[in-house]
Amino acid sequence: MTRHEDVPPLWRHADGRPLACVEKIRVLDENYRELAQVLRDALEDGILLGCAESELRAALHELVERVRPGF
């Protein structure tokens, strides 16, 4: 069963046009779902270890903002 947060967005080009290549969409969707699972696991681990959920979410949001492409 797919969780609501695992439903990928409509992927778009920089100019706003939707991507049409099925293979590119498949890769992006797979990455999105894998990342959603990793984030869910990190949240659950942190909460079980006693960290406040709000602190975990803030740290993960900050990480997303700091990450840059490596190419």
PDB file of N, CA and C in Angstrom:
ATOM      1  N   MET A   1       0.835  -1.180   0.000  1.00  0.00           N
ATOM      2  CA  MET A   1       0.000   0.000   0.000  1.00  0.00           C
ATOM      3  C   MET A   1       0.887   1.253   0.000  1.00  0.00           C
ATOM      4  N   THR A   2       0.578   2.193  -0.835  1.00  0.00           N
ATOM      5  CA  THR A   2       1.350   3.430  -0.938  1.00  0.00           C
ATOM      6  C   THR A   2       0.841   4.447   0.069  1.00  0.00           C
ATOM      7  N   ARG A   3       1.770   5.033   0.813  1.00  0.00           N
ATOM      8  CA  ARG A   3       1.415   6.097   1.748  1.00  0.00           C
ATOM      9  C   ARG A   3       1.254   7.392   0.971  1.00  0.00           C
ATOM     10  N   HIS A   4       0.439   8.272   1.502  1.00  0.00           N
ATOM     11  CA  HIS A   4       0.204   9.565   0.838  1.00  0.00           C
ATOM     12  C   HIS A   4       1.509  10.310   0.584  1.00  0.00           C
ATOM     13  N   GLU A   5       2.423  10.301   1.562  1.00  0.00           N
ATOM     14  CA  GLU A   5       3.669  11.055   1.402  1.00  0.00           C
ATOM     15  C   GLU A   5       4.614  10.406   0.401  1.00  0.00           C
ATOM     16  N   ASP A   6       4.325   9.183  -0.008  1.00  0.00           N
ATOM     17  CA  ASP A   6       5.164   8.494  -0.985  1.00  0.00           C
ATOM     18  C   ASP A   6       4.713   8.731  -2.422  1.00  0.00           C
ATOM     19  N   VAL A   7       3.632   9.472  -2.619  1.00  0.00           N
ATOM     20  CA  VAL A   7       3.137   9.740  -3.968  1.00  0.00           C
ATOM     21  C   VAL A   7       3.967  10.878  -4.564  1.00  0.00           C
ATOM     22  N   PRO A   8       4.757  10.577  -5.598  1.00  0.00           N
ATOM     23  CA  PRO A   8       5.624  11.601  -6.174  1.00  0.00           C
ATOM     24  C   PRO A   8       4.831  12.733  -6.818  1.00  0.00           C
ATOM     25  N   PRO A   9       5.461  13.901  -6.900  1.00  0.00           N
ATOM     26  CA  PRO A   9       4.814  15.033  -7.575  1.00  0.00           C
ATOM     27  C   PRO A   9       4.892  14.863  -9.091  1.00  0.00           C
ATOM     28  N   LEU A  10       4.277  15.757  -9.804  1.00  0.00           N
ATOM     29  CA  LEU A  10       4.426  15.826 -11.246  1.00  0.00           C
ATOM     30  C   LEU A  10       5.780  16.482 -11.501  1.00  0.00           C
ATOM     31  N   TRP A  11       6.685  15.746 -12.133  1.00  0.00           N
ATOM     32  CA  TRP A  11       8.033  16.267 -12.375  1.00  0.00           C
ATOM     33  C   TRP A  11       8.011  17.207 -13.567  1.00  0.00           C
ATOM     34  N   ARG A  12       8.682  18.344 -13.434  1.00  0.00           N
ATOM     35  CA  ARG A  12       8.654  19.381 -14.473  1.00  0.00           C
ATOM     36  C   ARG A  12      10.065  19.819 -14.869  1.00  0.00           C
ATOM     37  N   HIS A  13      10.170  20.311 -16.085  1.00  0.00           N
ATOM     38  CA  HIS A  13      11.384  20.966 -16.562  1.00  0.00           C
ATOM     39  C   HIS A  13      11.482  22.326 -15.871  1.00  0.00           C
ATOM     40  N   ALA A  14      12.645  22.959 -16.001  1.00  0.00           N
ATOM     41  CA  ALA A  14      12.853  24.285 -15.394  1.00  0.00           C
ATOM     42  C   ALA A  14      11.856  25.317 -15.922  1.00  0.00           C
ATOM     43  N   ASP A  15      11.375  25.122 -17.147  1.00  0.00           N
ATOM     44  CA  ASP A  15      10.428  26.081 -17.722  1.00  0.00           C
ATOM     45  C   ASP A  15       8.967  25.761 -17.385  1.00  0.00           C
ATOM     46  N   GLY A  16       8.757  24.729 -16.570  1.00  0.00           N
ATOM     47  CA  GLY A  16       7.406  24.396 -16.122  1.00  0.00           C
ATOM     48  C   GLY A  16       6.711  23.289 -16.893  1.00  0.00           C
ATOM     49  N   ARG A  17       7.255  22.914 -18.040  1.00  0.00           N
ATOM     50  CA  ARG A  17       6.645  21.819 -18.814  1.00  0.00           C
ATOM     51  C   ARG A  17       6.836  20.495 -18.077  1.00  0.00           C
ATOM     52  N   PRO A  18       5.828  19.630 -18.075  1.00  0.00           N
ATOM     53  CA  PRO A  18       5.981  18.323 -17.432  1.00  0.00           C
ATOM     54  C   PRO A  18       6.992  17.463 -18.192  1.00  0.00           C
ATOM     55  N   LEU A  19       7.753  16.675 -17.449  1.00  0.00           N
ATOM     56  CA  LEU A  19       8.631  15.702 -18.092  1.00  0.00           C
ATOM     57  C   LEU A  19       7.769  14.682 -18.815  1.00  0.00           C
ATOM     58  N   ALA A  20       8.234  14.209 -19.947  1.00  0.00           N
ATOM     59  CA  ALA A  20       7.470  13.239 -20.723  1.00  0.00           C
ATOM     60  C   ALA A  20       8.181  11.894 -20.825  1.00  0.00           C
ATOM     61  N   CYS A  21       9.494  11.863 -20.591  1.00  0.00           N
ATOM     62  CA  CYS A  21      10.269  10.631 -20.728  1.00  0.00           C
ATOM     63  C   CYS A  21       9.922   9.671 -19.587  1.00  0.00           C
ATOM     64  N   VAL A  22       9.380   8.520 -19.955  1.00  0.00           N
ATOM     65  CA  VAL A  22       8.931   7.537 -18.967  1.00  0.00           C
ATOM     66  C   VAL A  22      10.087   7.060 -18.093  1.00  0.00           C
ATOM     67  N   GLU A  23      11.258   6.863 -18.674  1.00  0.00           N
ATOM     68  CA  GLU A  23      12.410   6.381 -17.911  1.00  0.00           C
ATOM     69  C   GLU A  23      12.880   7.427 -16.893  1.00  0.00           C
ATOM     70  N   LYS A  24      12.903   8.697 -17.277  1.00  0.00           N
ATOM     71  CA  LYS A  24      13.294   9.762 -16.350  1.00  0.00           C
ATOM     72  C   LYS A  24      12.297   9.856 -15.201  1.00  0.00           C
ATOM     73  N   ILE A  25      11.031   9.762 -15.521  1.00  0.00           N
ATOM     74  CA  ILE A  25       9.987   9.813 -14.488  1.00  0.00           C
ATOM     75  C   ILE A  25      10.110   8.628 -13.551  1.00  0.00           C
ATOM     76  N   ARG A  26      10.399   7.450 -14.098  1.00  0.00           N
ATOM     77  CA  ARG A  26      10.557   6.251 -13.276  1.00  0.00           C
ATOM     78  C   ARG A  26      11.701   6.428 -12.278  1.00  0.00           C
ATOM     79  N   VAL A  27      12.845   6.957 -12.745  1.00  0.00           N
ATOM     80  CA  VAL A  27      14.007   7.166 -11.868  1.00  0.00           C
ATOM     81  C   VAL A  27      13.673   8.175 -10.778  1.00  0.00           C
ATOM     82  N   LEU A  28      13.061   9.297 -11.158  1.00  0.00           N
ATOM     83  CA  LEU A  28      12.705  10.320 -10.175  1.00  0.00           C
ATOM     84  C   LEU A  28      11.694   9.787  -9.159  1.00  0.00           C
ATOM     85  N   ASP A  29      10.696   9.048  -9.624  1.00  0.00           N
ATOM     86  CA  ASP A  29       9.704   8.466  -8.709  1.00  0.00           C
ATOM     87  C   ASP A  29      10.350   7.487  -7.734  1.00  0.00           C
ATOM     88  N   GLU A  30      11.249   6.660  -8.242  1.00  0.00           N
ATOM     89  CA  GLU A  30      11.941   5.688  -7.385  1.00  0.00           C
ATOM     90  C   GLU A  30      12.787   6.405  -6.329  1.00  0.00           C
ATOM     91  N   ASN A  31      13.531   7.420  -6.746  1.00  0.00           N
ATOM     92  CA  ASN A  31      14.342   8.200  -5.793  1.00  0.00           C
ATOM     93  C   ASN A  31      13.462   8.851  -4.730  1.00  0.00           C
ATOM     94  N   TYR A  32      12.348   9.396  -5.150  1.00  0.00           N
ATOM     95  CA  TYR A  32      11.422  10.055  -4.229  1.00  0.00           C
ATOM     96  C   TYR A  32      10.910   9.073  -3.174  1.00  0.00           C
ATOM     97  N   ARG A  33      10.485   7.902  -3.621  1.00  0.00           N
ATOM     98  CA  ARG A  33       9.955   6.904  -2.687  1.00  0.00           C
ATOM     99  C   ARG A  33      11.033   6.379  -1.743  1.00  0.00           C
ATOM    100  N   GLU A  34      12.242   6.183  -2.267  1.00  0.00           N
ATOM    101  CA  GLU A  34      13.348   5.734  -1.406  1.00  0.00           C
ATOM    102  C   GLU A  34      13.676   6.798  -0.359  1.00  0.00           C
ATOM    103  N   LEU A  35      13.714   8.045  -0.767  1.00  0.00           N
ATOM    104  CA  LEU A  35      14.006   9.129   0.168  1.00  0.00           C
ATOM    105  C   LEU A  35      12.908   9.249   1.226  1.00  0.00           C
ATOM    106  N   ALA A  36      11.652   9.089   0.810  1.00  0.00           N
ATOM    107  CA  ALA A  36      10.548   9.129   1.772  1.00  0.00           C
ATOM    108  C   ALA A  36      10.723   8.052   2.839  1.00  0.00           C
ATOM    109  N   GLN A  37      11.156   6.860   2.444  1.00  0.00           N
ATOM    110  CA  GLN A  37      11.353   5.772   3.405  1.00  0.00           C
ATOM    111  C   GLN A  37      12.519   6.082   4.344  1.00  0.00           C
ATOM    112  N   VAL A  38      13.615   6.606   3.806  1.00  0.00           N
ATOM    113  CA  VAL A  38      14.771   6.963   4.641  1.00  0.00           C
ATOM    114  C   VAL A  38      14.384   8.046   5.640  1.00  0.00           C
ATOM    115  N   LEU A  39      13.636   9.055   5.190  1.00  0.00           N
ATOM    116  CA  LEU A  39      13.195  10.122   6.093  1.00  0.00           C
ATOM    117  C   LEU A  39      12.275   9.581   7.182  1.00  0.00           C
ATOM    118  N   ARG A  40      11.358   8.696   6.797  1.00  0.00           N
ATOM    119  CA  ARG A  40      10.449   8.091   7.775  1.00  0.00           C
ATOM    120  C   ARG A  40      11.251   7.320   8.829  1.00  0.00           C
ATOM    121  N   ASP A  41      12.227   6.544   8.368  1.00  0.00           N
ATOM    122  CA  ASP A  41      13.068   5.777   9.296  1.00  0.00           C
ATOM    123  C   ASP A  41      13.841   6.703  10.231  1.00  0.00           C
ATOM    124  N   ALA A  42      14.394   7.796   9.688  1.00  0.00           N
ATOM    125  CA  ALA A  42      15.156   8.742  10.516  1.00  0.00           C
ATOM    126  C   ALA A  42      14.259   9.401  11.562  1.00  0.00           C
ATOM    127  N   LEU A  43      13.054   9.785  11.173  1.00  0.00           N
ATOM    128  CA  LEU A  43      12.114  10.374  12.129  1.00  0.00           C
ATOM    129  C   LEU A  43      11.758   9.384  13.233  1.00  0.00           C
ATOM    130  N   GLU A  44      11.438   8.170  12.834  1.00  0.00           N
ATOM    131  CA  GLU A  44      11.061   7.160  13.831  1.00  0.00           C
ATOM    132  C   GLU A  44      12.223   6.861  14.771  1.00  0.00           C
ATOM    133  N   ASP A  45      13.440   6.702  14.224  1.00  0.00           N
ATOM    134  CA  ASP A  45      14.609   6.443  15.074  1.00  0.00           C
ATOM    135  C   ASP A  45      14.832   7.585  16.052  1.00  0.00           C
ATOM    136  N   GLY A  46      14.798   8.815  15.541  1.00  0.00           N
ATOM    137  CA  GLY A  46      15.029   9.967  16.400  1.00  0.00           C
ATOM    138  C   GLY A  46      14.008  10.079  17.517  1.00  0.00           C
ATOM    139  N   ILE A  47      12.748   9.860  17.187  1.00  0.00           N
ATOM    140  CA  ILE A  47      11.689   9.929  18.203  1.00  0.00           C
ATOM    141  C   ILE A  47      11.888   8.833  19.242  1.00  0.00           C
ATOM    142  N   LEU A  48      12.206   7.614  18.777  1.00  0.00           N
ATOM    143  CA  LEU A  48      12.439   6.510  19.721  1.00  0.00           C
ATOM    144  C   LEU A  48      13.650   6.773  20.615  1.00  0.00           C
ATOM    145  N   LEU A  49      14.616   7.540  20.114  1.00  0.00           N
ATOM    146  CA  LEU A  49      15.806   7.866  20.895  1.00  0.00           C
ATOM    147  C   LEU A  49      15.609   9.091  21.779  1.00  0.00           C
ATOM    148  N   GLY A  50      14.414   9.681  21.728  1.00  0.00           N
ATOM    149  CA  GLY A  50      14.084  10.763  22.639  1.00  0.00           C
ATOM    150  C   GLY A  50      14.167  12.163  22.074  1.00  0.00           C
ATOM    151  N   CYS A  51      14.456  12.303  20.796  1.00  0.00           N
ATOM    152  CA  CYS A  51      14.536  13.637  20.197  1.00  0.00           C
ATOM    153  C   CYS A  51      13.129  14.138  19.868  1.00  0.00           C
ATOM    154  N   ALA A  52      12.924  15.423  20.013  1.00  0.00           N
ATOM    155  CA  ALA A  52      11.634  16.024  19.683  1.00  0.00           C
ATOM    156  C   ALA A  52      11.424  15.965  18.167  1.00  0.00           C
ATOM    157  N   GLU A  53      10.222  15.572  17.763  1.00  0.00           N
ATOM    158  CA  GLU A  53       9.919  15.478  16.335  1.00  0.00           C
ATOM    159  C   GLU A  53      10.133  16.814  15.636  1.00  0.00           C
ATOM    160  N   SER A  54       9.774  17.907  16.293  1.00  0.00           N
ATOM    161  CA  SER A  54       9.948  19.227  15.674  1.00  0.00           C
ATOM    162  C   SER A  54      11.424  19.518  15.409  1.00  0.00           C
ATOM    163  N   GLU A  55      12.314  19.090  16.308  1.00  0.00           N
ATOM    164  CA  GLU A  55      13.750  19.287  16.116  1.00  0.00           C
ATOM    165  C   GLU A  55      14.260  18.449  14.953  1.00  0.00           C
ATOM    166  N   LEU A  56      13.789  17.221  14.867  1.00  0.00           N
ATOM    167  CA  LEU A  56      14.186  16.349  13.765  1.00  0.00           C
ATOM    168  C   LEU A  56      13.746  16.932  12.430  1.00  0.00           C
ATOM    169  N   ARG A  57      12.492  17.365  12.374  1.00  0.00           N
ATOM    170  CA  ARG A  57      11.969  17.934  11.125  1.00  0.00           C
ATOM    171  C   ARG A  57      12.744  19.184  10.726  1.00  0.00           C
ATOM    172  N   ALA A  58      13.057  20.042  11.692  1.00  0.00           N
ATOM    173  CA  ALA A  58      13.820  21.257  11.402  1.00  0.00           C
ATOM    174  C   ALA A  58      15.209  20.900  10.857  1.00  0.00           C
ATOM    175  N   ALA A  59      15.859  19.910  11.462  1.00  0.00           N
ATOM    176  CA  ALA A  59      17.191  19.502  11.008  1.00  0.00           C
ATOM    177  C   ALA A  59      17.133  18.923   9.596  1.00  0.00           C
ATOM    178  N   LEU A  60      16.107  18.128   9.305  1.00  0.00           N
ATOM    179  CA  LEU A  60      15.975  17.539   7.973  1.00  0.00           C
ATOM    180  C   LEU A  60      15.648  18.605   6.927  1.00  0.00           C
ATOM    181  N   HIS A  61      14.810  19.564   7.275  1.00  0.00           N
ATOM    182  CA  HIS A  61      14.518  20.671   6.356  1.00  0.00           C
ATOM    183  C   HIS A  61      15.798  21.453   6.055  1.00  0.00           C
ATOM    184  N   GLU A  62      16.570  21.722   7.084  1.00  0.00           N
ATOM    185  CA  GLU A  62      17.830  22.451   6.904  1.00  0.00           C
ATOM    186  C   GLU A  62      18.779  21.671   6.000  1.00  0.00           C
ATOM    187  N   LEU A  63      18.850  20.368   6.188  1.00  0.00           N
ATOM    188  CA  LEU A  63      19.699  19.522   5.352  1.00  0.00           C
ATOM    189  C   LEU A  63      19.286  19.617   3.889  1.00  0.00           C
ATOM    190  N   VAL A  64      18.002  19.538   3.622  1.00  0.00           N
ATOM    191  CA  VAL A  64      17.509  19.648   2.243  1.00  0.00           C
ATOM    192  C   VAL A  64      17.929  20.981   1.635  1.00  0.00           C
ATOM    193  N   GLU A  65      17.856  22.039   2.402  1.00  0.00           N
ATOM    194  CA  GLU A  65      18.233  23.359   1.904  1.00  0.00           C
ATOM    195  C   GLU A  65      19.740  23.471   1.635  1.00  0.00           C
ATOM    196  N   ARG A  66      20.560  22.746   2.405  1.00  0.00           N
ATOM    197  CA  ARG A  66      22.025  22.836   2.267  1.00  0.00           C
ATOM    198  C   ARG A  66      22.584  21.924   1.182  1.00  0.00           C
ATOM    199  N   VAL A  67      21.929  20.819   0.877  1.00  0.00           N
ATOM    200  CA  VAL A  67      22.456  19.851  -0.080  1.00  0.00           C
ATOM    201  C   VAL A  67      22.507  20.476  -1.474  1.00  0.00           C
ATOM    202  N   ARG A  68      23.635  20.304  -2.136  1.00  0.00           N
ATOM    203  CA  ARG A  68      23.827  20.825  -3.498  1.00  0.00           C
ATOM    204  C   ARG A  68      24.257  19.670  -4.408  1.00  0.00           C
ATOM    205  N   PRO A  69      23.986  19.778  -5.689  1.00  0.00           N
ATOM    206  CA  PRO A  69      24.438  18.740  -6.622  1.00  0.00           C
ATOM    207  C   PRO A  69      25.964  18.593  -6.580  1.00  0.00           C
ATOM    208  N   GLY A  70      26.423  17.374  -6.729  1.00  0.00           N
ATOM    209  CA  GLY A  70      27.862  17.115  -6.682  1.00  0.00           C
ATOM    210  C   GLY A  70      28.556  17.155  -8.035  1.00  0.00           C
ATOM    211  N   PHE A  71      27.835  17.540  -9.062  1.00  0.00           N
ATOM    212  CA  PHE A  71      28.473  17.580 -10.398  1.00  0.00           C
ATOM    213  C   PHE A  71      28.859  18.974 -10.794  1.00  0.00           C
TER     214      PHE A  71
END
